[in-house]
Amino acid sequence: DRADFLVTNPKTVYKNNRPLYTRYEIITNNASSAFPLRSSRGVYRSFKEFKWLRRTLRWEYLTSNIPVLPSNYWFKRNYNPSVVASRLVPLKNFLNECIKDKKIVSDVAFHLFVQSDLTIQDITRQRKGQTHHSYLPCLWNCGGKIHKDDDDFDYAAFKRELSRTLMNEDSD
């Protein structure tokens, strides 16, 4: 009953032909009943988002030994090819170490981080209980994906699923 993570396929995001940051794909192969999806891919997270996850887990689970992330590079940009390549294995190790802690395995933010394309703001709202109770079941029924790509939101399938769920609740 175990999940394994792979961090691969780095993509640098550009604005006005200038590199801003790099996003890493998280692929989940899952044999654990703790996770909502058996497998997932196409979830991209930046190093800054990994740091957010670590801070969140450290704050939530003060007694747990949260794994470390690779160091920041002060003299190289985060999109430098050597920096990008050097982070792949440590980011994978971070995720695989996290799931050794039962508290983290049951954490909704961890699940959403590795298996959905929700933004950090959306994950935070979910953690704070600021979403409808049907939100997560609908998200998982859509395979954890509600965005067409990184910049273009596509809520159509998600809205259909949420509407269907809400109508079923009303008929009960």
Protein backbone atom coordinates (compact mmCIF):
# COMPACT_ATOMS: atom_id res chain seq x y z
CA ASP A 1 0.00 0.00 0.00
CA ARG A 2 2.39 2.70 -1.22
CA ALA A 3 2.62 5.70 -3.51
CA ASP A 4 5.69 6.69 -5.49
CA PHE A 5 6.45 10.07 -6.96
CA LEU A 6 8.55 11.08 -9.91
CA VAL A 7 9.55 14.70 -10.54
CA THR A 8 10.43 15.26 -14.18
CA ASN A 9 9.84 17.29 -17.34
CA PRO A 10 10.88 20.76 -16.13
CA LYS A 11 9.36 23.67 -18.05
CA THR A 12 10.62 27.21 -17.75
CA VAL A 13 7.92 29.88 -17.82
CA TYR A 14 8.73 33.01 -19.81
CA LYS A 15 7.25 36.49 -19.87
CA ASN A 16 8.32 39.00 -22.52
CA ASN A 17 11.01 36.52 -23.64
CA ARG A 18 12.55 36.49 -20.16
CA PRO A 19 12.63 33.37 -18.01
CA LEU A 20 10.71 33.78 -14.76
CA TYR A 21 10.74 30.39 -13.06
CA THR A 22 10.67 26.67 -13.74
CA ARG A 23 7.81 24.26 -13.08
CA TYR A 24 8.36 20.54 -12.50
CA GLU A 25 5.90 17.79 -13.39
CA ILE A 26 4.84 15.50 -10.55
CA ILE A 27 3.85 12.00 -11.63
CA THR A 28 2.13 9.82 -9.04
CA ASN A 29 2.00 6.03 -9.23
CA ASN A 30 -0.21 5.01 -6.43
CA ALA A 31 -1.05 1.74 -4.71
CA SER A 32 -2.16 3.49 -1.53
CA SER A 33 -5.81 3.77 -0.59
CA ALA A 34 -4.96 7.05 1.17
CA PHE A 35 -4.81 8.91 -2.15
CA PRO A 36 -7.92 9.73 -4.16
CA LEU A 37 -6.40 8.97 -7.59
CA ARG A 38 -4.57 5.77 -8.56
CA SER A 39 -2.20 7.73 -10.77
CA SER A 40 -1.78 11.29 -11.90
CA ARG A 41 0.41 13.27 -14.23
CA GLY A 42 0.42 16.76 -15.67
CA VAL A 43 0.60 18.38 -12.24
CA TYR A 44 3.24 21.11 -12.47
CA ARG A 45 4.68 22.87 -9.43
CA SER A 46 7.38 25.50 -9.07
CA PHE A 47 10.17 25.35 -6.52
CA LYS A 48 8.44 28.23 -4.70
CA GLU A 49 5.30 26.07 -4.45
CA PHE A 50 7.36 23.18 -3.03
CA LYS A 51 8.67 25.62 -0.40
CA TRP A 52 5.07 26.63 0.39
CA LEU A 53 4.14 22.96 0.90
CA ARG A 54 7.08 22.38 3.23
CA ARG A 55 6.26 25.52 5.28
CA THR A 56 2.61 24.46 5.49
CA LEU A 57 3.47 20.93 6.62
CA ARG A 58 6.02 22.21 9.17
CA TRP A 59 3.42 24.58 10.62
CA GLU A 60 0.67 21.95 10.71
CA TYR A 61 2.79 19.07 12.05
CA LEU A 62 5.26 20.62 14.48
CA THR A 63 6.29 17.25 15.90
CA SER A 64 6.91 15.64 12.51
CA ASN A 65 10.30 15.59 10.86
CA ILE A 66 9.47 17.28 7.54
CA PRO A 67 12.08 16.45 4.87
CA VAL A 68 14.33 19.19 3.54
CA LEU A 69 14.26 20.70 0.07
CA PRO A 70 17.27 21.50 -2.08
CA SER A 71 19.00 24.77 -1.26
CA ASN A 72 18.27 28.08 -2.87
CA TYR A 73 20.92 29.23 -5.29
CA TRP A 74 21.89 32.81 -4.57
CA PHE A 75 24.21 33.32 -7.54
CA LYS A 76 22.31 31.33 -10.16
CA ARG A 77 18.80 31.85 -11.43
CA ASN A 78 16.17 29.18 -10.75
CA TYR A 79 15.78 28.60 -14.49
CA ASN A 80 19.49 27.95 -15.04
CA PRO A 81 19.72 24.45 -16.63
CA SER A 82 22.21 23.20 -14.03
CA VAL A 83 19.95 24.40 -11.18
CA VAL A 84 16.88 22.84 -12.81
CA ALA A 85 18.62 19.49 -13.33
CA SER A 86 20.09 19.46 -9.82
CA ARG A 87 16.63 19.82 -8.25
CA LEU A 88 14.86 16.90 -9.94
CA VAL A 89 16.02 14.11 -7.62
CA PRO A 90 15.87 16.11 -4.36
CA LEU A 91 12.29 17.22 -5.12
CA LYS A 92 11.31 13.60 -5.84
CA ASN A 93 13.02 12.50 -2.62
CA PHE A 94 11.19 15.21 -0.67
CA LEU A 95 7.79 13.91 -1.79
CA ASN A 96 8.71 10.26 -1.27
CA GLU A 97 10.01 11.03 2.23
CA CYS A 98 6.84 12.97 3.09
CA ILE A 99 4.63 9.94 2.52
CA LYS A 100 6.50 7.98 5.18
CA ASP A 101 4.67 10.13 7.75
CA LYS A 102 1.05 8.99 8.27
CA LYS A 103 -0.08 12.49 9.20
CA ILE A 104 1.22 13.91 5.93
CA VAL A 105 -0.27 11.05 3.90
CA SER A 106 -3.70 12.00 5.26
CA ASP A 107 -3.23 15.76 4.71
CA VAL A 108 -5.59 17.27 2.13
CA ALA A 109 -3.08 19.95 1.10
CA PHE A 110 -0.50 17.27 0.31
CA HIS A 111 -3.01 15.32 -1.80
CA LEU A 112 -4.09 18.44 -3.68
CA PHE A 113 -0.48 19.52 -4.20
CA VAL A 114 0.64 16.25 -5.79
CA GLN A 115 -2.54 15.15 -7.59
CA SER A 116 -4.40 18.27 -8.71
CA ASP A 117 -3.72 21.38 -10.71
CA LEU A 118 -5.29 23.66 -8.10
CA THR A 119 -3.40 26.84 -7.34
CA ILE A 120 -1.83 27.35 -3.93
CA GLN A 121 -4.61 29.87 -3.20
CA ASP A 122 -7.26 27.23 -4.03
CA ILE A 123 -5.51 24.66 -1.83
CA THR A 124 -5.38 27.18 1.01
CA ARG A 125 -9.12 27.90 0.66
CA GLN A 126 -9.81 24.16 0.78
CA ARG A 127 -7.69 23.78 3.92
CA LYS A 128 -9.59 26.61 5.59
CA GLY A 129 -12.96 25.05 4.74
CA GLN A 130 -13.88 27.91 2.41
CA THR A 131 -15.21 25.67 -0.37
CA HIS A 132 -18.45 23.73 -0.79
CA HIS A 133 -18.39 20.18 0.62
CA SER A 134 -18.93 18.83 -2.92
CA TYR A 135 -15.80 20.56 -4.23
CA LEU A 136 -13.30 17.76 -3.59
CA PRO A 137 -15.43 14.86 -4.86
CA CYS A 138 -16.05 16.82 -8.06
CA LEU A 139 -12.36 17.65 -8.41
CA TRP A 140 -11.35 14.00 -8.05
CA ASN A 141 -14.09 12.92 -10.50
CA CYS A 142 -12.45 15.29 -13.00
CA GLY A 143 -9.09 13.56 -12.43
CA GLY A 144 -7.76 16.46 -10.35
CA LYS A 145 -7.71 18.77 -13.38
CA ILE A 146 -9.77 21.91 -13.77
CA HIS A 147 -7.34 23.94 -15.90
CA LYS A 148 -6.70 23.48 -19.63
CA ASP A 149 -3.14 24.61 -19.13
CA ASP A 150 -1.18 26.80 -16.74
CA ASP A 151 -2.78 30.11 -17.74
CA ASP A 152 -6.18 29.26 -19.23
CA PHE A 153 -8.86 28.18 -16.77
CA ASP A 154 -11.39 25.64 -18.01
CA TYR A 155 -14.07 25.11 -15.42
CA ALA A 156 -16.66 23.60 -17.79
CA ALA A 157 -16.19 19.94 -16.82
CA PHE A 158 -15.78 20.84 -13.18
CA LYS A 159 -18.94 22.99 -13.19
CA ARG A 160 -20.92 20.20 -14.87
CA GLU A 161 -19.74 17.73 -12.24
CA LEU A 162 -20.46 20.16 -9.40
CA SER A 163 -23.95 20.95 -10.79
CA ARG A 164 -24.69 17.23 -11.15
CA THR A 165 -23.56 16.62 -7.56
CA LEU A 166 -25.60 19.51 -6.19
CA MET A 167 -28.71 18.36 -8.09
CA ASN A 168 -28.29 14.86 -6.64
CA GLU A 169 -28.06 16.38 -3.14
CA ASP A 170 -31.28 18.34 -3.72
CA SER A 171 -33.13 15.20 -4.81
CA ASP A 172 -32.12 13.29 -1.65
